[in-house]
N, C-alpha and C. Protein backbone atom coordinates (compact mmCIF):
# COMPACT_ATOMS: atom_id res chain seq x y z
N UNK A 1 0.83 -1.17 0.00
CA UNK A 1 0.00 0.00 0.00
C UNK A 1 0.87 1.24 0.00
N UNK A 2 0.60 2.13 -0.92
CA UNK A 2 1.35 3.37 -0.95
C UNK A 2 0.48 4.50 -0.42
N UNK A 3 1.08 5.36 0.35
CA UNK A 3 0.37 6.49 0.93
C UNK A 3 0.19 7.55 -0.14
N UNK A 4 -1.04 7.94 -0.39
CA UNK A 4 -1.35 8.94 -1.39
C UNK A 4 -1.87 10.18 -0.67
N UNK A 5 -1.34 11.33 -1.04
CA UNK A 5 -1.75 12.57 -0.40
C UNK A 5 -3.12 13.01 -0.91
N UNK A 6 -3.80 13.79 -0.09
CA UNK A 6 -5.14 14.26 -0.43
C UNK A 6 -5.13 15.08 -1.72
N UNK A 7 -4.08 15.84 -1.93
CA UNK A 7 -3.97 16.66 -3.15
C UNK A 7 -3.99 15.78 -4.40
N UNK A 8 -3.31 14.66 -4.33
CA UNK A 8 -3.28 13.72 -5.46
C UNK A 8 -4.64 13.03 -5.63
N UNK A 9 -5.30 12.75 -4.52
CA UNK A 9 -6.61 12.09 -4.59
C UNK A 9 -7.66 13.01 -5.21
N UNK A 10 -7.53 14.31 -4.97
CA UNK A 10 -8.50 15.26 -5.53
C UNK A 10 -8.43 15.32 -7.05
N UNK A 11 -7.31 14.93 -7.62
CA UNK A 11 -7.15 14.95 -9.08
C UNK A 11 -7.77 13.72 -9.74
N UNK A 12 -8.16 12.73 -8.95
CA UNK A 12 -8.75 11.51 -9.51
C UNK A 12 -10.24 11.72 -9.81
N UNK A 13 -10.73 10.96 -10.76
CA UNK A 13 -12.16 11.00 -11.08
C UNK A 13 -12.94 10.25 -10.00
N UNK A 14 -14.25 10.50 -9.91
CA UNK A 14 -15.06 9.79 -8.91
C UNK A 14 -15.00 8.27 -9.05
N UNK A 15 -14.91 7.79 -10.29
CA UNK A 15 -14.83 6.34 -10.52
C UNK A 15 -13.50 5.80 -9.97
N UNK A 16 -12.42 6.51 -10.25
CA UNK A 16 -11.10 6.08 -9.76
C UNK A 16 -11.06 6.11 -8.23
N UNK A 17 -11.70 7.12 -7.64
CA UNK A 17 -11.75 7.21 -6.18
C UNK A 17 -12.48 6.01 -5.58
N UNK A 18 -13.60 5.65 -6.17
CA UNK A 18 -14.36 4.52 -5.62
C UNK A 18 -13.60 3.21 -5.79
N UNK A 19 -12.88 3.06 -6.91
CA UNK A 19 -12.06 1.85 -7.10
C UNK A 19 -10.94 1.79 -6.07
N UNK A 20 -10.30 2.93 -5.83
CA UNK A 20 -9.22 3.00 -4.85
C UNK A 20 -9.76 2.66 -3.46
N UNK A 21 -10.95 3.17 -3.16
CA UNK A 21 -11.57 2.91 -1.86
C UNK A 21 -11.87 1.43 -1.69
N UNK A 22 -12.41 0.79 -2.74
CA UNK A 22 -12.70 -0.65 -2.67
C UNK A 22 -11.42 -1.45 -2.45
N UNK A 23 -10.36 -1.07 -3.15
CA UNK A 23 -9.08 -1.76 -2.99
C UNK A 23 -8.57 -1.63 -1.56
N UNK A 24 -8.66 -0.43 -1.01
CA UNK A 24 -8.20 -0.21 0.36
C UNK A 24 -9.05 -0.96 1.36
N UNK A 25 -10.36 -1.05 1.10
CA UNK A 25 -11.23 -1.81 2.01
C UNK A 25 -10.87 -3.29 2.00
N UNK A 26 -10.50 -3.81 0.83
CA UNK A 26 -10.05 -5.21 0.76
C UNK A 26 -8.76 -5.40 1.55
N UNK A 27 -7.82 -4.45 1.39
CA UNK A 27 -6.56 -4.51 2.14
C UNK A 27 -6.83 -4.45 3.64
N UNK A 28 -7.77 -3.59 4.04
CA UNK A 28 -8.11 -3.47 5.45
C UNK A 28 -8.67 -4.78 5.99
N UNK A 29 -9.51 -5.42 5.19
CA UNK A 29 -10.09 -6.71 5.59
C UNK A 29 -8.98 -7.76 5.74
N UNK A 30 -8.05 -7.79 4.79
CA UNK A 30 -6.94 -8.74 4.87
C UNK A 30 -6.08 -8.46 6.10
N UNK A 31 -5.85 -7.18 6.39
CA UNK A 31 -5.07 -6.79 7.56
C UNK A 31 -5.77 -7.26 8.84
N UNK A 32 -7.07 -7.08 8.87
CA UNK A 32 -7.84 -7.49 10.04
C UNK A 32 -7.76 -9.00 10.24
N UNK A 33 -7.86 -9.76 9.15
CA UNK A 33 -7.75 -11.22 9.25
C UNK A 33 -6.37 -11.62 9.78
N UNK A 34 -5.33 -10.97 9.28
CA UNK A 34 -3.98 -11.27 9.76
C UNK A 34 -3.82 -10.91 11.23
N UNK A 35 -4.44 -9.79 11.63
CA UNK A 35 -4.36 -9.37 13.02
C UNK A 35 -5.03 -10.40 13.93
N UNK A 36 -6.18 -10.90 13.50
CA UNK A 36 -6.90 -11.90 14.28
C UNK A 36 -6.08 -13.18 14.41
N UNK A 37 -5.41 -13.58 13.33
CA UNK A 37 -4.62 -14.80 13.32
C UNK A 37 -3.23 -14.62 13.92
N UNK A 38 -2.88 -13.39 14.28
CA UNK A 38 -1.57 -13.12 14.86
C UNK A 38 -0.45 -13.13 13.85
N UNK A 39 -0.75 -12.91 12.58
CA UNK A 39 0.25 -12.94 11.53
C UNK A 39 0.59 -11.55 10.99
N UNK A 40 0.04 -10.51 11.58
CA UNK A 40 0.25 -9.15 11.10
C UNK A 40 1.65 -8.69 11.45
N UNK A 41 2.47 -8.45 10.43
CA UNK A 41 3.86 -8.05 10.65
C UNK A 41 3.99 -6.55 10.89
N UNK A 42 3.13 -5.76 10.26
CA UNK A 42 3.22 -4.31 10.38
C UNK A 42 1.89 -3.77 10.92
N UNK A 43 1.74 -3.71 12.23
CA UNK A 43 0.48 -3.27 12.82
C UNK A 43 0.08 -1.85 12.43
N UNK A 44 1.05 -1.00 12.12
CA UNK A 44 0.73 0.38 11.75
C UNK A 44 0.00 0.47 10.41
N UNK A 45 0.10 -0.56 9.58
CA UNK A 45 -0.58 -0.56 8.28
C UNK A 45 -2.09 -0.46 8.46
N UNK A 46 -2.60 -1.09 9.51
CA UNK A 46 -4.03 -1.07 9.81
C UNK A 46 -4.50 0.38 9.95
N UNK A 47 -3.77 1.15 10.72
CA UNK A 47 -4.10 2.55 10.97
C UNK A 47 -3.96 3.39 9.69
N UNK A 48 -2.91 3.16 8.92
CA UNK A 48 -2.69 3.92 7.70
C UNK A 48 -3.78 3.68 6.66
N UNK A 49 -4.22 2.45 6.55
CA UNK A 49 -5.27 2.12 5.58
C UNK A 49 -6.58 2.79 5.99
N UNK A 50 -6.91 2.75 7.28
CA UNK A 50 -8.14 3.41 7.75
C UNK A 50 -8.10 4.91 7.47
N UNK A 51 -6.96 5.52 7.68
CA UNK A 51 -6.84 6.96 7.43
C UNK A 51 -6.97 7.28 5.94
N UNK A 52 -6.41 6.42 5.11
CA UNK A 52 -6.50 6.63 3.66
C UNK A 52 -7.96 6.53 3.20
N UNK A 53 -8.70 5.57 3.75
CA UNK A 53 -10.13 5.45 3.43
C UNK A 53 -10.87 6.70 3.90
N UNK A 54 -10.53 7.21 5.06
CA UNK A 54 -11.16 8.42 5.58
C UNK A 54 -10.88 9.62 4.67
N UNK A 55 -9.66 9.70 4.15
CA UNK A 55 -9.32 10.78 3.21
C UNK A 55 -10.21 10.72 1.97
N UNK A 56 -10.36 9.52 1.44
CA UNK A 56 -11.19 9.35 0.25
C UNK A 56 -12.64 9.72 0.55
N UNK A 57 -13.15 9.29 1.71
CA UNK A 57 -14.52 9.63 2.09
C UNK A 57 -14.69 11.15 2.19
N UNK A 58 -13.71 11.82 2.76
CA UNK A 58 -13.76 13.28 2.89
C UNK A 58 -13.79 13.95 1.53
N UNK A 59 -12.96 13.49 0.63
CA UNK A 59 -12.90 14.08 -0.71
C UNK A 59 -14.20 13.83 -1.47
N UNK A 60 -14.77 12.64 -1.32
CA UNK A 60 -16.06 12.35 -1.96
C UNK A 60 -17.15 13.28 -1.43
N UNK A 61 -17.16 13.51 -0.13
CA UNK A 61 -18.15 14.40 0.48
C UNK A 61 -17.94 15.84 0.01
N UNK A 62 -16.69 16.28 -0.05
CA UNK A 62 -16.39 17.63 -0.52
C UNK A 62 -16.89 17.84 -1.94
N UNK A 63 -16.67 16.85 -2.79
CA UNK A 63 -17.09 17.01 -4.19
C UNK A 63 -18.61 16.99 -4.31
N UNK A 64 -19.30 16.22 -3.47
CA UNK A 64 -20.77 16.21 -3.50
C UNK A 64 -21.33 17.55 -3.03
N UNK A 65 -20.71 18.12 -2.00
CA UNK A 65 -21.19 19.39 -1.46
C UNK A 65 -20.85 20.57 -2.36
N UNK A 66 -19.84 20.43 -3.19
CA UNK A 66 -19.42 21.51 -4.08
C UNK A 66 -20.38 21.67 -5.26
N UNK A 67 -21.14 20.65 -5.55
CA UNK A 67 -22.04 20.70 -6.71
C UNK A 67 -23.24 21.53 -6.47
């Protein structure tokens, strides 16, 4: 997972944003499964993925309110 800044996310189309969000949600689910099984090597990834999803949600809301 690569950390993408909000400025870069704002340049994406709504379709690309939703695809990115779905991908991150899958990664979050995989991270959660690894955490439950005790196989998670990088616990901070869980937090980073959640924050990235929150960034995308914020940008989606901003674009809806701007219309």
